[in-house]
Amino acid sequence: MKVVLDDVMLKRQNFSLVARGEFLEGIHLITGAVGSGKSTLALAIAGNFPTEHGRISRVGLGSMMISIQFP
């Protein structure tokens, strides 16, 4: 099982984020500064936020779950 980010671009108003990488089976934490796009990236990986460019491939995944902790 894996998720592959292939030159993914996400946009939200004046903000844009470009990501590429590969996530293998397991639990993954996305960390960073406030406003850096953590929630947007997590939502896109889970299929809940559309990409402007690139592709997110989910190989061998039957279902996904996202858990976001808000302060």
PDB file of N, CA and C in Angstrom:
ATOM      1  N   MET A   1       0.838  -1.171   0.000  1.00  0.00           N
ATOM      2  CA  MET A   1       0.000   0.000   0.000  1.00  0.00           C
ATOM      3  C   MET A   1       0.885   1.236   0.000  1.00  0.00           C
ATOM      4  N   LYS A   2       0.502   2.210  -0.824  1.00  0.00           N
ATOM      5  CA  LYS A   2       1.249   3.467  -0.823  1.00  0.00           C
ATOM      6  C   LYS A   2       0.443   4.582  -1.466  1.00  0.00           C
ATOM      7  N   VAL A   3       0.840   5.798  -1.144  1.00  0.00           N
ATOM      8  CA  VAL A   3       0.285   7.007  -1.741  1.00  0.00           C
ATOM      9  C   VAL A   3       1.450   7.741  -2.382  1.00  0.00           C
ATOM     10  N   VAL A   4       1.289   8.114  -3.653  1.00  0.00           N
ATOM     11  CA  VAL A   4       2.349   8.810  -4.383  1.00  0.00           C
ATOM     12  C   VAL A   4       1.838  10.188  -4.795  1.00  0.00           C
ATOM     13  N   LEU A   5       2.601  11.213  -4.438  1.00  0.00           N
ATOM     14  CA  LEU A   5       2.308  12.588  -4.849  1.00  0.00           C
ATOM     15  C   LEU A   5       3.238  12.922  -6.002  1.00  0.00           C
ATOM     16  N   ASP A   6       2.675  13.125  -7.176  1.00  0.00           N
ATOM     17  CA  ASP A   6       3.451  13.367  -8.383  1.00  0.00           C
ATOM     18  C   ASP A   6       3.269  14.816  -8.825  1.00  0.00           C
ATOM     19  N   ASP A   7       4.170  15.691  -8.380  1.00  0.00           N
ATOM     20  CA  ASP A   7       4.116  17.131  -8.694  1.00  0.00           C
ATOM     21  C   ASP A   7       2.733  17.724  -8.465  1.00  0.00           C
ATOM     22  N   VAL A   8       2.203  17.474  -7.287  1.00  0.00           N
ATOM     23  CA  VAL A   8       0.872  17.963  -6.921  1.00  0.00           C
ATOM     24  C   VAL A   8       0.953  19.448  -6.585  1.00  0.00           C
ATOM     25  N   MET A   9       0.032  20.231  -7.132  1.00  0.00           N
ATOM     26  CA  MET A   9      -0.068  21.644  -6.779  1.00  0.00           C
ATOM     27  C   MET A   9      -1.453  21.884  -6.203  1.00  0.00           C
ATOM     28  N   LEU A  10      -1.478  22.520  -5.037  1.00  0.00           N
ATOM     29  CA  LEU A  10      -2.729  22.864  -4.372  1.00  0.00           C
ATOM     30  C   LEU A  10      -2.796  24.371  -4.244  1.00  0.00           C
ATOM     31  N   LYS A  11      -3.973  24.938  -4.484  1.00  0.00           N
ATOM     32  CA  LYS A  11      -4.146  26.385  -4.361  1.00  0.00           C
ATOM     33  C   LYS A  11      -5.374  26.688  -3.528  1.00  0.00           C
ATOM     34  N   ARG A  12      -5.229  27.697  -2.692  1.00  0.00           N
ATOM     35  CA  ARG A  12      -6.335  28.197  -1.882  1.00  0.00           C
ATOM     36  C   ARG A  12      -6.157  29.700  -1.799  1.00  0.00           C
ATOM     37  N   GLN A  13      -6.948  30.460  -2.537  1.00  0.00           N
ATOM     38  CA  GLN A  13      -6.855  31.918  -2.655  1.00  0.00           C
ATOM     39  C   GLN A  13      -5.442  32.308  -3.102  1.00  0.00           C
ATOM     40  N   ASN A  14      -4.691  33.059  -2.308  1.00  0.00           N
ATOM     41  CA  ASN A  14      -3.341  33.500  -2.693  1.00  0.00           C
ATOM     42  C   ASN A  14      -2.248  32.511  -2.300  1.00  0.00           C
ATOM     43  N   PHE A  15      -2.619  31.399  -1.695  1.00  0.00           N
ATOM     44  CA  PHE A  15      -1.668  30.403  -1.213  1.00  0.00           C
ATOM     45  C   PHE A  15      -1.528  29.273  -2.230  1.00  0.00           C
ATOM     46  N   SER A  16      -0.301  28.819  -2.463  1.00  0.00           N
ATOM     47  CA  SER A  16      -0.104  27.626  -3.297  1.00  0.00           C
ATOM     48  C   SER A  16       0.962  26.737  -2.655  1.00  0.00           C
ATOM     49  N   LEU A  17       0.829  25.445  -2.888  1.00  0.00           N
ATOM     50  CA  LEU A  17       1.703  24.438  -2.300  1.00  0.00           C
ATOM     51  C   LEU A  17       2.028  23.411  -3.368  1.00  0.00           C
ATOM     52  N   VAL A  18       3.292  23.047  -3.498  1.00  0.00           N
ATOM     53  CA  VAL A  18       3.706  22.000  -4.424  1.00  0.00           C
ATOM     54  C   VAL A  18       4.300  20.865  -3.596  1.00  0.00           C
ATOM     55  N   ALA A  19       3.888  19.634  -3.902  1.00  0.00           N
ATOM     56  CA  ALA A  19       4.365  18.483  -3.130  1.00  0.00           C
ATOM     57  C   ALA A  19       4.654  17.307  -4.049  1.00  0.00           C
ATOM     58  N   ARG A  20       5.701  16.579  -3.695  1.00  0.00           N
ATOM     59  CA  ARG A  20       5.972  15.301  -4.360  1.00  0.00           C
ATOM     60  C   ARG A  20       6.589  14.384  -3.324  1.00  0.00           C
ATOM     61  N   GLY A  21       6.290  13.118  -3.433  1.00  0.00           N
ATOM     62  CA  GLY A  21       6.821  12.156  -2.472  1.00  0.00           C
ATOM     63  C   GLY A  21       6.020  10.888  -2.470  1.00  0.00           C
ATOM     64  N   GLU A  22       6.401   9.988  -1.577  1.00  0.00           N
ATOM     65  CA  GLU A  22       5.764   8.679  -1.489  1.00  0.00           C
ATOM     66  C   GLU A  22       5.568   8.322  -0.020  1.00  0.00           C
ATOM     67  N   PHE A  23       4.359   7.935   0.327  1.00  0.00           N
ATOM     68  CA  PHE A  23       4.029   7.491   1.674  1.00  0.00           C
ATOM     69  C   PHE A  23       3.738   5.999   1.618  1.00  0.00           C
ATOM     70  N   LEU A  24       4.476   5.226   2.384  1.00  0.00           N
ATOM     71  CA  LEU A  24       4.232   3.785   2.462  1.00  0.00           C
ATOM     72  C   LEU A  24       3.315   3.495   3.648  1.00  0.00           C
ATOM     73  N   GLU A  25       2.935   2.247   3.834  1.00  0.00           N
ATOM     74  CA  GLU A  25       1.997   1.854   4.868  1.00  0.00           C
ATOM     75  C   GLU A  25       2.436   2.351   6.243  1.00  0.00           C
ATOM     76  N   GLY A  26       1.471   2.816   7.036  1.00  0.00           N
ATOM     77  CA  GLY A  26       1.757   3.263   8.392  1.00  0.00           C
ATOM     78  C   GLY A  26       1.017   4.532   8.736  1.00  0.00           C
ATOM     79  N   ILE A  27       1.353   5.089   9.869  1.00  0.00           N
ATOM     80  CA  ILE A  27       0.774   6.346  10.332  1.00  0.00           C
ATOM     81  C   ILE A  27       1.766   7.447  10.019  1.00  0.00           C
ATOM     82  N   HIS A  28       1.284   8.535   9.436  1.00  0.00           N
ATOM     83  CA  HIS A  28       2.160   9.643   9.040  1.00  0.00           C
ATOM     84  C   HIS A  28       1.661  10.939   9.655  1.00  0.00           C
ATOM     85  N   LEU A  29       2.575  11.727  10.166  1.00  0.00           N
ATOM     86  CA  LEU A  29       2.258  13.023  10.739  1.00  0.00           C
ATOM     87  C   LEU A  29       2.784  14.099   9.808  1.00  0.00           C
ATOM     88  N   ILE A  30       1.981  15.118   9.583  1.00  0.00           N
ATOM     89  CA  ILE A  30       2.397  16.257   8.769  1.00  0.00           C
ATOM     90  C   ILE A  30       2.571  17.429   9.721  1.00  0.00           C
ATOM     91  N   THR A  31       3.798  17.956   9.806  1.00  0.00           N
ATOM     92  CA  THR A  31       4.085  19.046  10.732  1.00  0.00           C
ATOM     93  C   THR A  31       4.634  20.250   9.977  1.00  0.00           C
ATOM     94  N   GLY A  32       4.560  21.411  10.604  1.00  0.00           N
ATOM     95  CA  GLY A  32       5.097  22.621  10.000  1.00  0.00           C
ATOM     96  C   GLY A  32       4.529  23.845  10.680  1.00  0.00           C
ATOM     97  N   ALA A  33       4.959  24.984  10.211  1.00  0.00           N
ATOM     98  CA  ALA A  33       4.523  26.262  10.781  1.00  0.00           C
ATOM     99  C   ALA A  33       3.049  26.525  10.478  1.00  0.00           C
ATOM    100  N   VAL A  34       2.445  27.390  11.270  1.00  0.00           N
ATOM    101  CA  VAL A  34       1.062  27.806  11.037  1.00  0.00           C
ATOM    102  C   VAL A  34       0.955  28.415   9.642  1.00  0.00           C
ATOM    103  N   GLY A  35      -0.028  27.964   8.887  1.00  0.00           N
ATOM    104  CA  GLY A  35      -0.252  28.510   7.550  1.00  0.00           C
ATOM    105  C   GLY A  35       0.611  27.909   6.457  1.00  0.00           C
ATOM    106  N   SER A  36       1.347  26.844   6.762  1.00  0.00           N
ATOM    107  CA  SER A  36       2.254  26.271   5.761  1.00  0.00           C
ATOM    108  C   SER A  36       1.588  25.259   4.837  1.00  0.00           C
ATOM    109  N   GLY A  37       0.311  24.912   5.090  1.00  0.00           N
ATOM    110  CA  GLY A  37      -0.417  24.019   4.202  1.00  0.00           C
ATOM    111  C   GLY A  37      -0.585  22.599   4.687  1.00  0.00           C
ATOM    112  N   LYS A  38      -0.347  22.353   5.967  1.00  0.00           N
ATOM    113  CA  LYS A  38      -0.448  20.994   6.511  1.00  0.00           C
ATOM    114  C   LYS A  38      -1.846  20.403   6.328  1.00  0.00           C
ATOM    115  N   SER A  39      -2.859  21.138   6.746  1.00  0.00           N
ATOM    116  CA  SER A  39      -4.233  20.645   6.645  1.00  0.00           C
ATOM    117  C   SER A  39      -4.661  20.499   5.195  1.00  0.00           C
ATOM    118  N   THR A  40      -4.282  21.446   4.367  1.00  0.00           N
ATOM    119  CA  THR A  40      -4.614  21.379   2.944  1.00  0.00           C
ATOM    120  C   THR A  40      -3.991  20.155   2.300  1.00  0.00           C
ATOM    121  N   LEU A  41      -2.736  19.876   2.604  1.00  0.00           N
ATOM    122  CA  LEU A  41      -2.064  18.702   2.051  1.00  0.00           C
ATOM    123  C   LEU A  41      -2.720  17.419   2.555  1.00  0.00           C
ATOM    124  N   ALA A  42      -3.012  17.339   3.847  1.00  0.00           N
ATOM    125  CA  ALA A  42      -3.647  16.144   4.407  1.00  0.00           C
ATOM    126  C   ALA A  42      -5.021  15.914   3.789  1.00  0.00           C
ATOM    127  N   LEU A  43      -5.795  16.977   3.608  1.00  0.00           N
ATOM    128  CA  LEU A  43      -7.114  16.856   2.982  1.00  0.00           C
ATOM    129  C   LEU A  43      -7.003  16.386   1.533  1.00  0.00           C
ATOM    130  N   ALA A  44      -6.008  16.870   0.803  1.00  0.00           N
ATOM    131  CA  ALA A  44      -5.806  16.440  -0.583  1.00  0.00           C
ATOM    132  C   ALA A  44      -5.408  14.970  -0.646  1.00  0.00           C
ATOM    133  N   ILE A  45      -4.521  14.543   0.235  1.00  0.00           N
ATOM    134  CA  ILE A  45      -4.097  13.139   0.253  1.00  0.00           C
ATOM    135  C   ILE A  45      -5.298  12.232   0.552  1.00  0.00           C
ATOM    136  N   ALA A  46      -6.190  12.684   1.428  1.00  0.00           N
ATOM    137  CA  ALA A  46      -7.371  11.901   1.779  1.00  0.00           C
ATOM    138  C   ALA A  46      -8.465  11.978   0.710  1.00  0.00           C
ATOM    139  N   GLY A  47      -8.263  12.810  -0.311  1.00  0.00           N
ATOM    140  CA  GLY A  47      -9.244  12.921  -1.388  1.00  0.00           C
ATOM    141  C   GLY A  47     -10.335  13.938  -1.144  1.00  0.00           C
ATOM    142  N   ASN A  48     -10.142  14.823  -0.166  1.00  0.00           N
ATOM    143  CA  ASN A  48     -11.160  15.816   0.187  1.00  0.00           C
ATOM    144  C   ASN A  48     -10.846  17.228  -0.282  1.00  0.00           C
ATOM    145  N   PHE A  49      -9.773  17.409  -1.040  1.00  0.00           N
ATOM    146  CA  PHE A  49      -9.406  18.731  -1.557  1.00  0.00           C
ATOM    147  C   PHE A  49      -8.858  18.536  -2.965  1.00  0.00           C
ATOM    148  N   PRO A  50      -9.378  19.268  -3.944  1.00  0.00           N
ATOM    149  CA  PRO A  50      -8.946  19.057  -5.332  1.00  0.00           C
ATOM    150  C   PRO A  50      -7.546  19.614  -5.603  1.00  0.00           C
ATOM    151  N   THR A  51      -6.831  18.969  -6.510  1.00  0.00           N
ATOM    152  CA  THR A  51      -5.510  19.449  -6.910  1.00  0.00           C
ATOM    153  C   THR A  51      -5.638  20.331  -8.150  1.00  0.00           C
ATOM    154  N   GLU A  52      -4.770  21.322  -8.251  1.00  0.00           N
ATOM    155  CA  GLU A  52      -4.719  22.183  -9.428  1.00  0.00           C
ATOM    156  C   GLU A  52      -3.913  21.528 -10.541  1.00  0.00           C
ATOM    157  N   HIS A  53      -2.901  20.756 -10.145  1.00  0.00           N
ATOM    158  CA  HIS A  53      -1.962  20.156 -11.093  1.00  0.00           C
ATOM    159  C   HIS A  53      -1.393  18.900 -10.457  1.00  0.00           C
ATOM    160  N   GLY A  54      -0.900  18.007 -11.259  1.00  0.00           N
ATOM    161  CA  GLY A  54      -0.273  16.795 -10.750  1.00  0.00           C
ATOM    162  C   GLY A  54      -1.286  15.715 -10.425  1.00  0.00           C
ATOM    163  N   ARG A  55      -0.795  14.682  -9.764  1.00  0.00           N
ATOM    164  CA  ARG A  55      -1.645  13.524  -9.504  1.00  0.00           C
ATOM    165  C   ARG A  55      -1.315  12.908  -8.151  1.00  0.00           C
ATOM    166  N   ILE A  56      -2.348  12.450  -7.474  1.00  0.00           N
ATOM    167  CA  ILE A  56      -2.195  11.695  -6.235  1.00  0.00           C
ATOM    168  C   ILE A  56      -2.662  10.275  -6.536  1.00  0.00           C
ATOM    169  N   SER A  57      -1.741   9.316  -6.445  1.00  0.00           N
ATOM    170  CA  SER A  57      -2.062   7.911  -6.709  1.00  0.00           C
ATOM    171  C   SER A  57      -2.150   7.163  -5.390  1.00  0.00           C
ATOM    172  N   ARG A  58      -3.217   6.396  -5.241  1.00  0.00           N
ATOM    173  CA  ARG A  58      -3.410   5.570  -4.051  1.00  0.00           C
ATOM    174  C   ARG A  58      -3.408   4.118  -4.504  1.00  0.00           C
ATOM    175  N   VAL A  59      -2.342   3.403  -4.199  1.00  0.00           N
ATOM    176  CA  VAL A  59      -2.156   2.031  -4.664  1.00  0.00           C
ATOM    177  C   VAL A  59      -2.450   1.062  -3.514  1.00  0.00           C
ATOM    178  N   GLY A  60      -3.406   0.179  -3.716  1.00  0.00           N
ATOM    179  CA  GLY A  60      -3.709  -0.837  -2.717  1.00  0.00           C
ATOM    180  C   GLY A  60      -4.456  -0.336  -1.503  1.00  0.00           C
ATOM    181  N   LEU A  61      -5.140   0.798  -1.617  1.00  0.00           N
ATOM    182  CA  LEU A  61      -5.895   1.343  -0.486  1.00  0.00           C
ATOM    183  C   LEU A  61      -7.378   1.154  -0.725  1.00  0.00           C
ATOM    184  N   GLY A  62      -8.057   0.521   0.230  1.00  0.00           N
ATOM    185  CA  GLY A  62      -9.492   0.342   0.127  1.00  0.00           C
ATOM    186  C   GLY A  62     -10.262   1.495   0.743  1.00  0.00           C
ATOM    187  N   SER A  63      -9.693   2.094   1.773  1.00  0.00           N
ATOM    188  CA  SER A  63     -10.333   3.230   2.433  1.00  0.00           C
ATOM    189  C   SER A  63      -9.256   4.097   3.078  1.00  0.00           C
ATOM    190  N   MET A  64      -9.626   5.342   3.358  1.00  0.00           N
ATOM    191  CA  MET A  64      -8.687   6.272   3.983  1.00  0.00           C
ATOM    192  C   MET A  64      -9.371   6.952   5.156  1.00  0.00           C
ATOM    193  N   MET A  65      -8.553   7.428   6.086  1.00  0.00           N
ATOM    194  CA  MET A  65      -9.060   8.154   7.231  1.00  0.00           C
ATOM    195  C   MET A  65      -8.132   9.329   7.480  1.00  0.00           C
ATOM    196  N   ILE A  66      -8.698  10.453   7.846  1.00  0.00           N
ATOM    197  CA  ILE A  66      -7.891  11.619   8.208  1.00  0.00           C
ATOM    198  C   ILE A  66      -8.329  12.069   9.600  1.00  0.00           C
ATOM    199  N   SER A  67      -7.353  12.387  10.418  1.00  0.00           N
ATOM    200  CA  SER A  67      -7.627  12.878  11.752  1.00  0.00           C
ATOM    201  C   SER A  67      -6.827  14.160  11.937  1.00  0.00           C
ATOM    202  N   ILE A  68      -7.537  15.279  12.135  1.00  0.00           N
ATOM    203  CA  ILE A  68      -6.873  16.576  12.301  1.00  0.00           C
ATOM    204  C   ILE A  68      -7.192  17.073  13.700  1.00  0.00           C
ATOM    205  N   GLN A  69      -6.146  17.410  14.431  1.00  0.00           N
ATOM    206  CA  GLN A  69      -6.326  17.952  15.784  1.00  0.00           C
ATOM    207  C   GLN A  69      -6.315  19.463  15.712  1.00  0.00           C
ATOM    208  N   PHE A  70      -7.387  20.072  16.157  1.00  0.00           N
ATOM    209  CA  PHE A  70      -7.462  21.524  16.206  1.00  0.00           C
ATOM    210  C   PHE A  70      -7.209  21.973  17.644  1.00  0.00           C
ATOM    211  N   PRO A  71      -6.432  23.056  17.812  1.00  0.00           N
ATOM    212  CA  PRO A  71      -6.112  23.506  19.176  1.00  0.00           C
ATOM    213  C   PRO A  71      -7.322  24.040  19.913  1.00  0.00           C
TER     214      PRO A  71
END
